[in-house]
């Protein structure tokens, strides 16, 4: 194959550094040569039936575990979402604390202080 954009001869190895088309052609030819022939490939021995059944069972169990874990995580996320939504609704339904109420809470003793022994 002759490259139209070549400025040097195709037999010159230094030419491959400057011409990307010729370099691609050479790489393609080397890749085809590197592939093994179908006749040279070894035939694989058939797998044992027990091995196939164990692998299929392990794959089935893994799929089941993943589905189960995904369902639990979705339920936990939904519960957490509804908890925070309920908490936000509860806070929104209470009237906002005035500065006097905040000061009164600081001045009054905590209810739990009487339950803690000294």
PDB file of N, CA and C in Angstrom:
ATOM      1  N   UNK A   1       0.855  -1.177   0.000  1.00  0.00           N
ATOM      2  CA  UNK A   1       0.000   0.000   0.000  1.00  0.00           C
ATOM      3  C   UNK A   1       0.896   1.233   0.000  1.00  0.00           C
ATOM      4  N   UNK A   2       0.621   2.136  -0.852  1.00  0.00           N
ATOM      5  CA  UNK A   2       1.411   3.352  -0.972  1.00  0.00           C
ATOM      6  C   UNK A   2       0.624   4.500  -0.355  1.00  0.00           C
ATOM      7  N   UNK A   3       1.290   5.214   0.538  1.00  0.00           N
ATOM      8  CA  UNK A   3       0.667   6.351   1.206  1.00  0.00           C
ATOM      9  C   UNK A   3       0.813   7.577   0.309  1.00  0.00           C
ATOM     10  N   UNK A   4      -0.263   8.299   0.102  1.00  0.00           N
ATOM     11  CA  UNK A   4      -0.244   9.471  -0.786  1.00  0.00           C
ATOM     12  C   UNK A   4       0.480  10.652  -0.148  1.00  0.00           C
ATOM     13  N   UNK A   5       0.490  10.685   1.202  1.00  0.00           N
ATOM     14  CA  UNK A   5       1.078  11.824   1.892  1.00  0.00           C
ATOM     15  C   UNK A   5       2.555  11.628   2.205  1.00  0.00           C
ATOM     16  N   UNK A   6       3.128  10.513   1.793  1.00  0.00           N
ATOM     17  CA  UNK A   6       4.516  10.206   2.135  1.00  0.00           C
ATOM     18  C   UNK A   6       5.478  11.111   1.377  1.00  0.00           C
ATOM     19  N   UNK A   7       6.518  11.544   2.085  1.00  0.00           N
ATOM     20  CA  UNK A   7       7.565  12.336   1.435  1.00  0.00           C
ATOM     21  C   UNK A   7       8.831  11.517   1.272  1.00  0.00           C
ATOM     22  N   UNK A   8       8.878  10.333   1.860  1.00  0.00           N
ATOM     23  CA  UNK A   8      10.064   9.477   1.769  1.00  0.00           C
ATOM     24  C   UNK A   8       9.651   8.100   1.273  1.00  0.00           C
ATOM     25  N   UNK A   9      10.631   7.260   1.026  1.00  0.00           N
ATOM     26  CA  UNK A   9      10.356   5.907   0.566  1.00  0.00           C
ATOM     27  C   UNK A   9       9.775   5.048   1.679  1.00  0.00           C
ATOM     28  N   UNK A  10       8.991   4.074   1.291  1.00  0.00           N
ATOM     29  CA  UNK A  10       8.310   3.226   2.262  1.00  0.00           C
ATOM     30  C   UNK A  10       9.286   2.287   2.981  1.00  0.00           C
ATOM     31  N   UNK A  11      10.411   1.961   2.367  1.00  0.00           N
ATOM     32  CA  UNK A  11      11.364   1.038   2.960  1.00  0.00           C
ATOM     33  C   UNK A  11      12.214   1.688   4.038  1.00  0.00           C
ATOM     34  N   UNK A  12      12.205   2.967   4.117  1.00  0.00           N
ATOM     35  CA  UNK A  12      13.005   3.678   5.109  1.00  0.00           C
ATOM     36  C   UNK A  12      12.305   3.603   6.460  1.00  0.00           C
ATOM     37  N   UNK A  13      12.975   3.024   7.477  1.00  0.00           N
ATOM     38  CA  UNK A  13      12.363   2.871   8.800  1.00  0.00           C
ATOM     39  C   UNK A  13      12.171   4.222   9.490  1.00  0.00           C
ATOM     40  N   UNK A  14      13.002   5.171   9.208  1.00  0.00           N
ATOM     41  CA  UNK A  14      12.863   6.493   9.813  1.00  0.00           C
ATOM     42  C   UNK A  14      11.578   7.168   9.354  1.00  0.00           C
ATOM     43  N   UNK A  15      11.064   6.732   8.233  1.00  0.00           N
ATOM     44  CA  UNK A  15       9.840   7.295   7.681  1.00  0.00           C
ATOM     45  C   UNK A  15       8.639   7.016   8.601  1.00  0.00           C
ATOM     46  N   UNK A  16       8.659   5.917   9.336  1.00  0.00           N
ATOM     47  CA  UNK A  16       7.540   5.559  10.208  1.00  0.00           C
ATOM     48  C   UNK A  16       7.362   6.550  11.361  1.00  0.00           C
ATOM     49  N   UNK A  17       8.442   7.241  11.728  1.00  0.00           N
ATOM     50  CA  UNK A  17       8.347   8.229  12.803  1.00  0.00           C
ATOM     51  C   UNK A  17       7.631   9.497  12.358  1.00  0.00           C
ATOM     52  N   UNK A  18       7.611   9.738  11.064  1.00  0.00           N
ATOM     53  CA  UNK A  18       7.020  10.985  10.572  1.00  0.00           C
ATOM     54  C   UNK A  18       5.662  10.794   9.915  1.00  0.00           C
ATOM     55  N   UNK A  19       5.327   9.576   9.457  1.00  0.00           N
ATOM     56  CA  UNK A  19       4.082   9.358   8.730  1.00  0.00           C
ATOM     57  C   UNK A  19       3.126   8.498   9.564  1.00  0.00           C
ATOM     58  N   UNK A  20       2.058   9.080  10.107  1.00  0.00           N
ATOM     59  CA  UNK A  20       1.142   8.303  10.948  1.00  0.00           C
ATOM     60  C   UNK A  20       0.368   7.248  10.163  1.00  0.00           C
ATOM     61  N   UNK A  21       0.089   7.486   8.876  1.00  0.00           N
ATOM     62  CA  UNK A  21      -0.650   6.495   8.083  1.00  0.00           C
ATOM     63  C   UNK A  21       0.178   5.234   7.877  1.00  0.00           C
ATOM     64  N   UNK A  22       1.424   5.403   7.523  1.00  0.00           N
ATOM     65  CA  UNK A  22       2.299   4.241   7.320  1.00  0.00           C
ATOM     66  C   UNK A  22       2.552   3.523   8.647  1.00  0.00           C
ATOM     67  N   UNK A  23       2.697   4.265   9.723  1.00  0.00           N
ATOM     68  CA  UNK A  23       2.901   3.669  11.037  1.00  0.00           C
ATOM     69  C   UNK A  23       1.693   2.830  11.430  1.00  0.00           C
ATOM     70  N   UNK A  24       0.494   3.304  11.141  1.00  0.00           N
ATOM     71  CA  UNK A  24      -0.717   2.542  11.445  1.00  0.00           C
ATOM     72  C   UNK A  24      -0.792   1.278  10.608  1.00  0.00           C
ATOM     73  N   UNK A  25      -0.395   1.375   9.342  1.00  0.00           N
ATOM     74  CA  UNK A  25      -0.398   0.192   8.478  1.00  0.00           C
ATOM     75  C   UNK A  25       0.562  -0.872   9.005  1.00  0.00           C
ATOM     76  N   UNK A  26       1.750  -0.459   9.417  1.00  0.00           N
ATOM     77  CA  UNK A  26       2.739  -1.413   9.926  1.00  0.00           C
ATOM     78  C   UNK A  26       2.240  -2.056  11.213  1.00  0.00           C
ATOM     79  N   UNK A  27       1.643  -1.285  12.085  1.00  0.00           N
ATOM     80  CA  UNK A  27       1.103  -1.840  13.329  1.00  0.00           C
ATOM     81  C   UNK A  27      -0.015  -2.833  13.058  1.00  0.00           C
ATOM     82  N   UNK A  28      -0.855  -2.537  12.087  1.00  0.00           N
ATOM     83  CA  UNK A  28      -1.942  -3.435  11.733  1.00  0.00           C
ATOM     84  C   UNK A  28      -1.409  -4.760  11.196  1.00  0.00           C
ATOM     85  N   UNK A  29      -0.401  -4.698  10.338  1.00  0.00           N
ATOM     86  CA  UNK A  29       0.202  -5.923   9.789  1.00  0.00           C
ATOM     87  C   UNK A  29       0.836  -6.738  10.906  1.00  0.00           C
ATOM     88  N   UNK A  30       1.523  -6.086  11.847  1.00  0.00           N
ATOM     89  CA  UNK A  30       2.156  -6.804  12.949  1.00  0.00           C
ATOM     90  C   UNK A  30       1.108  -7.420  13.876  1.00  0.00           C
ATOM     91  N   UNK A  31       0.004  -6.739  14.076  1.00  0.00           N
ATOM     92  CA  UNK A  31      -1.053  -7.286  14.926  1.00  0.00           C
ATOM     93  C   UNK A  31      -1.664  -8.535  14.290  1.00  0.00           C
ATOM     94  N   UNK A  32      -1.885  -8.516  12.975  1.00  0.00           N
ATOM     95  CA  UNK A  32      -2.428  -9.694  12.301  1.00  0.00           C
ATOM     96  C   UNK A  32      -1.457 -10.858  12.370  1.00  0.00           C
ATOM     97  N   UNK A  33      -0.169 -10.576  12.244  1.00  0.00           N
ATOM     98  CA  UNK A  33       0.825 -11.640  12.336  1.00  0.00           C
ATOM     99  C   UNK A  33       0.896 -12.214  13.742  1.00  0.00           C
ATOM    100  N   UNK A  34       0.606 -11.385  14.748  1.00  0.00           N
ATOM    101  CA  UNK A  34       0.683 -11.823  16.145  1.00  0.00           C
ATOM    102  C   UNK A  34      -0.468 -12.715  16.570  1.00  0.00           C
ATOM    103  N   UNK A  35      -1.561 -12.692  15.838  1.00  0.00           N
ATOM    104  CA  UNK A  35      -2.701 -13.541  16.194  1.00  0.00           C
ATOM    105  C   UNK A  35      -2.391 -14.992  15.871  1.00  0.00           C
ATOM    106  N   UNK A  36      -2.831 -15.877  16.749  1.00  0.00           N
ATOM    107  CA  UNK A  36      -2.594 -17.295  16.494  1.00  0.00           C
ATOM    108  C   UNK A  36      -3.681 -17.834  15.570  1.00  0.00           C
ATOM    109  N   UNK A  37      -3.358 -18.859  14.877  1.00  0.00           N
ATOM    110  CA  UNK A  37      -4.295 -19.496  13.954  1.00  0.00           C
ATOM    111  C   UNK A  37      -5.311 -20.326  14.732  1.00  0.00           C
ATOM    112  N   UNK A  38      -6.535 -20.451  14.238  1.00  0.00           N
ATOM    113  CA  UNK A  38      -7.542 -21.253  14.942  1.00  0.00           C
ATOM    114  C   UNK A  38      -7.132 -22.713  15.109  1.00  0.00           C
ATOM    115  N   UNK A  39      -6.324 -23.234  14.187  1.00  0.00           N
ATOM    116  CA  UNK A  39      -5.893 -24.617  14.312  1.00  0.00           C
ATOM    117  C   UNK A  39      -4.933 -24.797  15.477  1.00  0.00           C
ATOM    118  N   UNK A  40      -4.200 -23.735  15.811  1.00  0.00           N
ATOM    119  CA  UNK A  40      -3.206 -23.830  16.870  1.00  0.00           C
ATOM    120  C   UNK A  40      -3.825 -23.719  18.259  1.00  0.00           C
ATOM    121  N   UNK A  41      -5.045 -23.267  18.353  1.00  0.00           N
ATOM    122  CA  UNK A  41      -5.685 -23.121  19.655  1.00  0.00           C
ATOM    123  C   UNK A  41      -6.003 -24.488  20.240  1.00  0.00           C
ATOM    124  N   UNK A  42      -5.814 -24.605  21.524  1.00  0.00           N
ATOM    125  CA  UNK A  42      -6.125 -25.866  22.194  1.00  0.00           C
ATOM    126  C   UNK A  42      -7.622 -25.938  22.446  1.00  0.00           C
ATOM    127  N   UNK A  43      -8.138 -27.126  22.380  1.00  0.00           N
ATOM    128  CA  UNK A  43      -9.554 -27.297  22.721  1.00  0.00           C
ATOM    129  C   UNK A  43      -9.656 -27.473  24.222  1.00  0.00           C
ATOM    130  N   UNK A  44     -10.538 -26.737  24.846  1.00  0.00           N
ATOM    131  CA  UNK A  44     -10.696 -26.791  26.300  1.00  0.00           C
ATOM    132  C   UNK A  44     -11.460 -28.051  26.677  1.00  0.00           C
ATOM    133  N   UNK A  45     -11.062 -28.616  27.790  1.00  0.00           N
ATOM    134  CA  UNK A  45     -11.753 -29.804  28.281  1.00  0.00           C
ATOM    135  C   UNK A  45     -13.119 -29.389  28.812  1.00  0.00           C
ATOM    136  N   UNK A  46     -14.140 -30.206  28.639  1.00  0.00           N
ATOM    137  CA  UNK A  46     -15.457 -29.841  29.153  1.00  0.00           C
ATOM    138  C   UNK A  46     -15.432 -29.771  30.682  1.00  0.00           C
ATOM    139  N   UNK A  47     -16.167 -28.812  31.225  1.00  0.00           N
ATOM    140  CA  UNK A  47     -16.205 -28.621  32.672  1.00  0.00           C
ATOM    141  C   UNK A  47     -17.051 -29.714  33.315  1.00  0.00           C
ATOM    142  N   UNK A  48     -16.696 -30.023  34.547  1.00  0.00           N
ATOM    143  CA  UNK A  48     -17.452 -31.028  35.283  1.00  0.00           C
ATOM    144  C   UNK A  48     -18.826 -30.471  35.636  1.00  0.00           C
ATOM    145  N   UNK A  49     -19.797 -31.357  35.679  1.00  0.00           N
ATOM    146  CA  UNK A  49     -21.167 -30.925  35.946  1.00  0.00           C
ATOM    147  C   UNK A  49     -21.313 -30.367  37.360  1.00  0.00           C
ATOM    148  N   UNK A  50     -20.620 -30.948  38.323  1.00  0.00           N
ATOM    149  CA  UNK A  50     -20.681 -30.465  39.704  1.00  0.00           C
ATOM    150  C   UNK A  50     -20.138 -29.055  39.838  1.00  0.00           C
ATOM    151  N   UNK A  51     -19.041 -28.792  39.125  1.00  0.00           N
ATOM    152  CA  UNK A  51     -18.447 -27.459  39.158  1.00  0.00           C
ATOM    153  C   UNK A  51     -19.413 -26.431  38.577  1.00  0.00           C
ATOM    154  N   UNK A  52     -20.030 -26.780  37.469  1.00  0.00           N
ATOM    155  CA  UNK A  52     -20.980 -25.861  36.827  1.00  0.00           C
ATOM    156  C   UNK A  52     -22.161 -25.596  37.751  1.00  0.00           C
ATOM    157  N   UNK A  53     -22.660 -26.638  38.417  1.00  0.00           N
ATOM    158  CA  UNK A  53     -23.790 -26.454  39.331  1.00  0.00           C
ATOM    159  C   UNK A  53     -23.406 -25.583  40.524  1.00  0.00           C
ATOM    160  N   UNK A  54     -22.190 -25.765  41.069  1.00  0.00           N
ATOM    161  CA  UNK A  54     -21.749 -24.939  42.204  1.00  0.00           C
ATOM    162  C   UNK A  54     -21.608 -23.480  41.802  1.00  0.00           C
ATOM    163  N   UNK A  55     -21.034 -23.241  40.621  1.00  0.00           N
ATOM    164  CA  UNK A  55     -20.860 -21.857  40.153  1.00  0.00           C
ATOM    165  C   UNK A  55     -22.224 -21.217  39.906  1.00  0.00           C
ATOM    166  N   UNK A  56     -23.137 -21.958  39.263  1.00  0.00           N
ATOM    167  CA  UNK A  56     -24.475 -21.407  39.001  1.00  0.00           C
ATOM    168  C   UNK A  56     -25.199 -21.122  40.320  1.00  0.00           C
ATOM    169  N   UNK A  57     -25.056 -22.002  41.303  1.00  0.00           N
ATOM    170  CA  UNK A  57     -25.671 -21.763  42.609  1.00  0.00           C
ATOM    171  C   UNK A  57     -25.081 -20.551  43.315  1.00  0.00           C
ATOM    172  N   UNK A  58     -23.762 -20.382  43.203  1.00  0.00           N
ATOM    173  CA  UNK A  58     -23.111 -19.223  43.823  1.00  0.00           C
ATOM    174  C   UNK A  58     -23.561 -17.926  43.159  1.00  0.00           C
ATOM    175  N   UNK A  59     -23.698 -17.944  41.844  1.00  0.00           N
ATOM    176  CA  UNK A  59     -24.170 -16.748  41.130  1.00  0.00           C
ATOM    177  C   UNK A  59     -25.604 -16.436  41.530  1.00  0.00           C
ATOM    178  N   UNK A  60     -26.436 -17.455  41.616  1.00  0.00           N
ATOM    179  CA  UNK A  60     -27.836 -17.263  42.011  1.00  0.00           C
ATOM    180  C   UNK A  60     -27.919 -16.695  43.433  1.00  0.00           C
ATOM    181  N   UNK A  61     -27.104 -17.239  44.356  1.00  0.00           N
ATOM    182  CA  UNK A  61     -27.092 -16.753  45.744  1.00  0.00           C
ATOM    183  C   UNK A  61     -26.600 -15.311  45.812  1.00  0.00           C
ATOM    184  N   UNK A  62     -25.591 -14.978  45.019  1.00  0.00           N
ATOM    185  CA  UNK A  62     -25.075 -13.611  45.006  1.00  0.00           C
ATOM    186  C   UNK A  62     -26.128 -12.633  44.503  1.00  0.00           C
ATOM    187  N   UNK A  63     -26.853 -13.011  43.472  1.00  0.00           N
ATOM    188  CA  UNK A  63     -27.928 -12.144  42.977  1.00  0.00           C
ATOM    189  C   UNK A  63     -28.997 -11.948  44.038  1.00  0.00           C
ATOM    190  N   UNK A  64     -29.362 -13.024  44.728  1.00  0.00           N
ATOM    191  CA  UNK A  64     -30.373 -12.929  45.780  1.00  0.00           C
ATOM    192  C   UNK A  64     -29.880 -12.008  46.906  1.00  0.00           C
ATOM    193  N   UNK A  65     -28.624 -12.167  47.310  1.00  0.00           N
ATOM    194  CA  UNK A  65     -28.073 -11.333  48.374  1.00  0.00           C
ATOM    195  C   UNK A  65     -28.049  -9.860  47.976  1.00  0.00           C
ATOM    196  N   UNK A  66     -27.697  -9.615  46.740  1.00  0.00           N
ATOM    197  CA  UNK A  66     -27.678  -8.217  46.279  1.00  0.00           C
ATOM    198  C   UNK A  66     -29.073  -7.614  46.273  1.00  0.00           C
ATOM    199  N   UNK A  67     -30.063  -8.355  45.801  1.00  0.00           N
ATOM    200  CA  UNK A  67     -31.442  -7.848  45.804  1.00  0.00           C
ATOM    201  C   UNK A  67     -31.921  -7.583  47.225  1.00  0.00           C
ATOM    202  N   UNK A  68     -31.619  -8.522  48.123  1.00  0.00           N
ATOM    203  CA  UNK A  68     -32.046  -8.387  49.511  1.00  0.00           C
ATOM    204  C   UNK A  68     -31.392  -7.185  50.167  1.00  0.00           C
ATOM    205  N   UNK A  69     -30.094  -7.006  49.951  1.00  0.00           N
ATOM    206  CA  UNK A  69     -29.366  -5.872  50.517  1.00  0.00           C
ATOM    207  C   UNK A  69     -29.899  -4.562  49.949  1.00  0.00           C
ATOM    208  N   UNK A  70     -30.178  -4.539  48.646  1.00  0.00           N
ATOM    209  CA  UNK A  70     -30.715  -3.336  48.019  1.00  0.00           C
ATOM    210  C   UNK A  70     -32.088  -2.983  48.596  1.00  0.00           C
ATOM    211  N   UNK A  71     -32.914  -4.000  48.855  1.00  0.00           N
ATOM    212  CA  UNK A  71     -34.233  -3.741  49.429  1.00  0.00           C
ATOM    213  C   UNK A  71     -34.103  -3.179  50.846  1.00  0.00           C
ATOM    214  N   UNK A  72     -33.194  -3.738  51.644  1.00  0.00           N
ATOM    215  CA  UNK A  72     -32.990  -3.224  53.003  1.00  0.00           C
ATOM    216  C   UNK A  72     -32.459  -1.791  52.987  1.00  0.00           C
ATOM    217  N   UNK A  73     -31.541  -1.516  52.095  1.00  0.00           N
ATOM    218  CA  UNK A  73     -31.009  -0.156  52.016  1.00  0.00           C
ATOM    219  C   UNK A  73     -32.072   0.839  51.560  1.00  0.00           C
ATOM    220  N   UNK A  74     -32.936   0.431  50.642  1.00  0.00           N
ATOM    221  CA  UNK A  74     -34.016   1.314  50.199  1.00  0.00           C
ATOM    222  C   UNK A  74     -34.993   1.574  51.336  1.00  0.00           C
ATOM    223  N   UNK A  75     -35.311   0.535  52.116  1.00  0.00           N
ATOM    224  CA  UNK A  75     -36.221   0.712  53.252  1.00  0.00           C
ATOM    225  C   UNK A  75     -35.593   1.625  54.303  1.00  0.00           C
ATOM    226  N   UNK A  76     -34.311   1.441  54.575  1.00  0.00           N
ATOM    227  CA  UNK A  76     -33.636   2.294  55.561  1.00  0.00           C
ATOM    228  C   UNK A  76     -33.600   3.746  55.086  1.00  0.00           C
ATOM    229  N   UNK A  77     -33.345   3.956  53.815  1.00  0.00           N
ATOM    230  CA  UNK A  77     -33.322   5.321  53.280  1.00  0.00           C
ATOM    231  C   UNK A  77     -34.704   5.959  53.363  1.00  0.00           C
ATOM    232  N   UNK A  78     -35.749   5.177  53.080  1.00  0.00           N
ATOM    233  CA  UNK A  78     -37.114   5.713  53.162  1.00  0.00           C
ATOM    234  C   UNK A  78     -37.459   6.078  54.601  1.00  0.00           C
ATOM    235  N   UNK A  79     -37.101   5.204  55.558  1.00  0.00           N
ATOM    236  CA  UNK A  79     -37.371   5.515  56.966  1.00  0.00           C
ATOM    237  C   UNK A  79     -36.629   6.763  57.413  1.00  0.00           C
ATOM    238  N   UNK A  80     -35.380   6.887  57.017  1.00  0.00           N
ATOM    239  CA  UNK A  80     -34.606   8.067  57.384  1.00  0.00           C
ATOM    240  C   UNK A  80     -35.205   9.328  56.774  1.00  0.00           C
ATOM    241  N   UNK A  81     -35.636   9.242  55.530  1.00  0.00           N
ATOM    242  CA  UNK A  81     -36.266  10.384  54.879  1.00  0.00           C
ATOM    243  C   UNK A  81     -37.541  10.796  55.609  1.00  0.00           C
ATOM    244  N   UNK A  82     -38.401   9.819  55.933  1.00  0.00           N
ATOM    245  CA  UNK A  82     -39.653  10.146  56.608  1.00  0.00           C
ATOM    246  C   UNK A  82     -39.412  10.657  58.024  1.00  0.00           C
ATOM    247  N   UNK A  83     -38.356  10.170  58.689  1.00  0.00           N
ATOM    248  CA  UNK A  83     -38.022  10.692  60.009  1.00  0.00           C
ATOM    249  C   UNK A  83     -37.677  12.173  59.934  1.00  0.00           C
ATOM    250  N   UNK A  84     -36.799  12.513  58.978  1.00  0.00           N
ATOM    251  CA  UNK A  84     -36.409  13.921  58.858  1.00  0.00           C
ATOM    252  C   UNK A  84     -37.559  14.787  58.353  1.00  0.00           C
ATOM    253  N   UNK A  85     -38.410  14.251  57.507  1.00  0.00           N
ATOM    254  CA  UNK A  85     -39.565  15.010  57.042  1.00  0.00           C
ATOM    255  C   UNK A  85     -40.523  15.270  58.200  1.00  0.00           C
ATOM    256  N   UNK A  86     -40.743  14.266  59.040  1.00  0.00           N
ATOM    257  CA  UNK A  86     -41.607  14.443  60.212  1.00  0.00           C
ATOM    258  C   UNK A  86     -41.008  15.416  61.204  1.00  0.00           C
ATOM    259  N   UNK A  87     -39.690  15.341  61.402  1.00  0.00           N
ATOM    260  CA  UNK A  87     -39.022  16.267  62.309  1.00  0.00           C
ATOM    261  C   UNK A  87     -39.148  17.702  61.800  1.00  0.00           C
ATOM    262  N   UNK A  88     -38.992  17.899  60.507  1.00  0.00           N
ATOM    263  CA  UNK A  88     -39.133  19.240  59.939  1.00  0.00           C
ATOM    264  C   UNK A  88     -40.569  19.739  60.077  1.00  0.00           C
ATOM    265  N   UNK A  89     -41.540  18.840  59.893  1.00  0.00           N
ATOM    266  CA  UNK A  89     -42.945  19.229  60.045  1.00  0.00           C
ATOM    267  C   UNK A  89     -43.244  19.599  61.494  1.00  0.00           C
ATOM    268  N   UNK A  90     -42.678  18.846  62.426  1.00  0.00           N
ATOM    269  CA  UNK A  90     -42.896  19.136  63.850  1.00  0.00           C
ATOM    270  C   UNK A  90     -42.292  20.483  64.227  1.00  0.00           C
ATOM    271  N   UNK A  91     -41.098  20.760  63.738  1.00  0.00           N
ATOM    272  CA  UNK A  91     -40.469  22.048  64.045  1.00  0.00           C
ATOM    273  C   UNK A  91     -41.224  23.204  63.395  1.00  0.00           C
ATOM    274  N   UNK A  92     -41.754  22.969  62.197  1.00  0.00           N
ATOM    275  CA  UNK A  92     -42.473  24.030  61.507  1.00  0.00           C
ATOM    276  C   UNK A  92     -43.811  24.317  62.180  1.00  0.00           C
ATOM    277  N   UNK A  93     -44.397  23.318  62.836  1.00  0.00           N
ATOM    278  CA  UNK A  93     -45.700  23.530  63.461  1.00  0.00           C
ATOM    279  C   UNK A  93     -45.595  24.256  64.800  1.00  0.00           C
ATOM    280  N   UNK A  94     -44.421  24.246  65.416  1.00  0.00           N
ATOM    281  CA  UNK A  94     -44.236  24.954  66.688  1.00  0.00           C
ATOM    282  C   UNK A  94     -43.974  26.421  66.408  1.00  0.00           C
ATOM    283  N   UNK A  95     -44.460  27.304  67.281  1.00  0.00           N
ATOM    284  CA  UNK A  95     -44.155  28.729  67.083  1.00  0.00           C
ATOM    285  C   UNK A  95     -42.679  28.993  67.351  1.00  0.00           C
ATOM    286  N   UNK A  96     -42.164  29.975  66.676  1.00  0.00           N
ATOM    287  CA  UNK A  96     -40.758  30.327  66.834  1.00  0.00           C
ATOM    288  C   UNK A  96     -40.525  30.881  68.228  1.00  0.00           C
ATOM    289  N   UNK A  97     -39.395  30.523  68.808  1.00  0.00           N
ATOM    290  CA  UNK A  97     -39.059  30.978  70.160  1.00  0.00           C
ATOM    291  C   UNK A  97     -38.664  32.449  70.120  1.00  0.00           C
ATOM    292  N   UNK A  98     -39.211  33.193  71.049  1.00  0.00           N
ATOM    293  CA  UNK A  98     -38.858  34.613  71.164  1.00  0.00           C
ATOM    294  C   UNK A  98     -37.595  34.728  72.012  1.00  0.00           C
ATOM    295  N   UNK A  99     -36.929  35.853  71.971  1.00  0.00           N
ATOM    296  CA  UNK A  99     -35.724  36.010  72.808  1.00  0.00           C
ATOM    297  C   UNK A  99     -36.022  35.863  74.302  1.00  0.00           C
ATOM    298  N   UNK A 100     -37.216  36.260  74.735  1.00  0.00           N
ATOM    299  CA  UNK A 100     -37.565  36.121  76.152  1.00  0.00           C
ATOM    300  C   UNK A 100     -37.675  34.646  76.544  1.00  0.00           C
ATOM    301  N   UNK A 101     -38.242  33.817  75.633  1.00  0.00           N
ATOM    302  CA  UNK A 101     -38.364  32.389  75.921  1.00  0.00           C
ATOM    303  C   UNK A 101     -36.993  31.734  75.992  1.00  0.00           C
ATOM    304  N   UNK A 102     -36.117  32.125  75.120  1.00  0.00           N
ATOM    305  CA  UNK A 102     -34.771  31.560  75.120  1.00  0.00           C
ATOM    306  C   UNK A 102     -34.038  31.906  76.398  1.00  0.00           C
ATOM    307  N   UNK A 103     -34.183  33.135  76.862  1.00  0.00           N
ATOM    308  CA  UNK A 103     -33.544  33.557  78.107  1.00  0.00           C
ATOM    309  C   UNK A 103     -34.165  32.841  79.293  1.00  0.00           C
ATOM    310  N   UNK A 104     -35.463  32.608  79.268  1.00  0.00           N
ATOM    311  CA  UNK A 104     -36.128  31.909  80.361  1.00  0.00           C
ATOM    312  C   UNK A 104     -35.666  30.450  80.431  1.00  0.00           C
ATOM    313  N   UNK A 105     -35.401  29.833  79.297  1.00  0.00           N
ATOM    314  CA  UNK A 105     -34.916  28.453  79.303  1.00  0.00           C
ATOM    315  C   UNK A 105     -33.512  28.372  79.884  1.00  0.00           C
ATOM    316  N   UNK A 106     -32.706  29.391  79.647  1.00  0.00           N
ATOM    317  CA  UNK A 106     -31.362  29.391  80.201  1.00  0.00           C
ATOM    318  C   UNK A 106     -31.379  29.609  81.708  1.00  0.00           C
ATOM    319  N   UNK A 107     -32.307  30.413  82.177  1.00  0.00           N
ATOM    320  CA  UNK A 107     -32.363  30.747  83.598  1.00  0.00           C
ATOM    321  C   UNK A 107     -33.012  29.630  84.414  1.00  0.00           C
ATOM    322  N   UNK A 108     -33.942  28.893  83.867  1.00  0.00           N
ATOM    323  CA  UNK A 108     -34.634  27.838  84.637  1.00  0.00           C
ATOM    324  C   UNK A 108     -33.785  26.571  84.645  1.00  0.00           C
ATOM    325  N   UNK A 109     -33.834  25.825  85.725  1.00  0.00           N
ATOM    326  CA  UNK A 109     -33.051  24.596  85.812  1.00  0.00           C
ATOM    327  C   UNK A 109     -33.648  23.520  84.887  1.00  0.00           C
ATOM    328  N   UNK A 110     -32.803  22.643  84.439  1.00  0.00           N
ATOM    329  CA  UNK A 110     -33.221  21.559  83.562  1.00  0.00           C
ATOM    330  C   UNK A 110     -33.987  20.517  84.381  1.00  0.00           C
ATOM    331  N   UNK A 111     -34.983  19.878  83.797  1.00  0.00           N
ATOM    332  CA  UNK A 111     -35.789  18.877  84.492  1.00  0.00           C
ATOM    333  C   UNK A 111     -34.940  17.661  84.842  1.00  0.00           C
ATOM    334  N   UNK A 112     -33.988  17.327  83.995  1.00  0.00           N
ATOM    335  CA  UNK A 112     -33.176  16.134  84.220  1.00  0.00           C
ATOM    336  C   UNK A 112     -32.107  16.354  85.288  1.00  0.00           C
ATOM    337  N   UNK A 113     -31.826  17.595  85.666  1.00  0.00           N
ATOM    338  CA  UNK A 113     -30.812  17.852  86.676  1.00  0.00           C
ATOM    339  C   UNK A 113     -31.189  17.241  88.029  1.00  0.00           C
ATOM    340  N   UNK A 114     -32.451  17.150  88.329  1.00  0.00           N
ATOM    341  CA  UNK A 114     -32.870  16.573  89.609  1.00  0.00           C
ATOM    342  C   UNK A 114     -32.739  15.057  89.616  1.00  0.00           C
ATOM    343  N   UNK A 115     -32.658  14.433  88.495  1.00  0.00           N
ATOM    344  CA  UNK A 115     -32.551  12.971  88.418  1.00  0.00           C
ATOM    345  C   UNK A 115     -31.109  12.477  88.514  1.00  0.00           C
ATOM    346  N   UNK A 116     -30.138  13.346  88.241  1.00  0.00           N
ATOM    347  CA  UNK A 116     -28.737  12.948  88.249  1.00  0.00           C
ATOM    348  C   UNK A 116     -28.205  13.082  89.672  1.00  0.00           C
ATOM    349  N   UNK A 117     -27.640  12.002  90.238  1.00  0.00           N
ATOM    350  CA  UNK A 117     -27.109  12.093  91.613  1.00  0.00           C
ATOM    351  C   UNK A 117     -25.834  12.916  91.621  1.00  0.00           C
ATOM    352  N   UNK A 118     -25.569  13.556  92.766  1.00  0.00           N
ATOM    353  CA  UNK A 118     -24.371  14.396  92.914  1.00  0.00           C
ATOM    354  C   UNK A 118     -23.178  13.564  93.239  1.00  0.00           C
TER     355      UNK A 118
END
